[in-house]
Amino acid sequence: KKQLQIEILNYYLYLTSTTAHKYESGDELKDLPVILRIKLELALKKDTVTSVPLFQGLHAACILSLVHHINSGIIALPSENLYSAGSMGDRMFIIEKGSVVLTVPKQMDH
């Protein structure tokens, strides 16, 4: 990870040394070359993916694909309903901090 930090730092030092380059708020990483964005995503999210037993032992390309699709900006508030029984599931949640309570309505209890 140290080498990646150095690569990214060097890139931004180079950019900021040119007077023509200006950043818009929140857009700092969009100008990062694709390969550095991929390396950064992998460095930041790989441990989250590989901490899930289902994903342990996956090929590196599969892990990279999962890492790329993680939206780590979701914050659930206490008592927030993330999913309702019987609804079609179209996403998966990895709980990084905190806990979740699962409840099953009596009519669905087998």
Foldseek 3Di string as FASTA:
>chain_A
DVVLVVVVVVVVVVQVVDPVDDDDPPCVCVPPPPVSVLVVLCVVCLVLQCVDVVRPPDDPVVSSVVSVPDDPPDDDDPPDDPDDPPDDDDDDDRDPDDDDDDDDDPVPDD
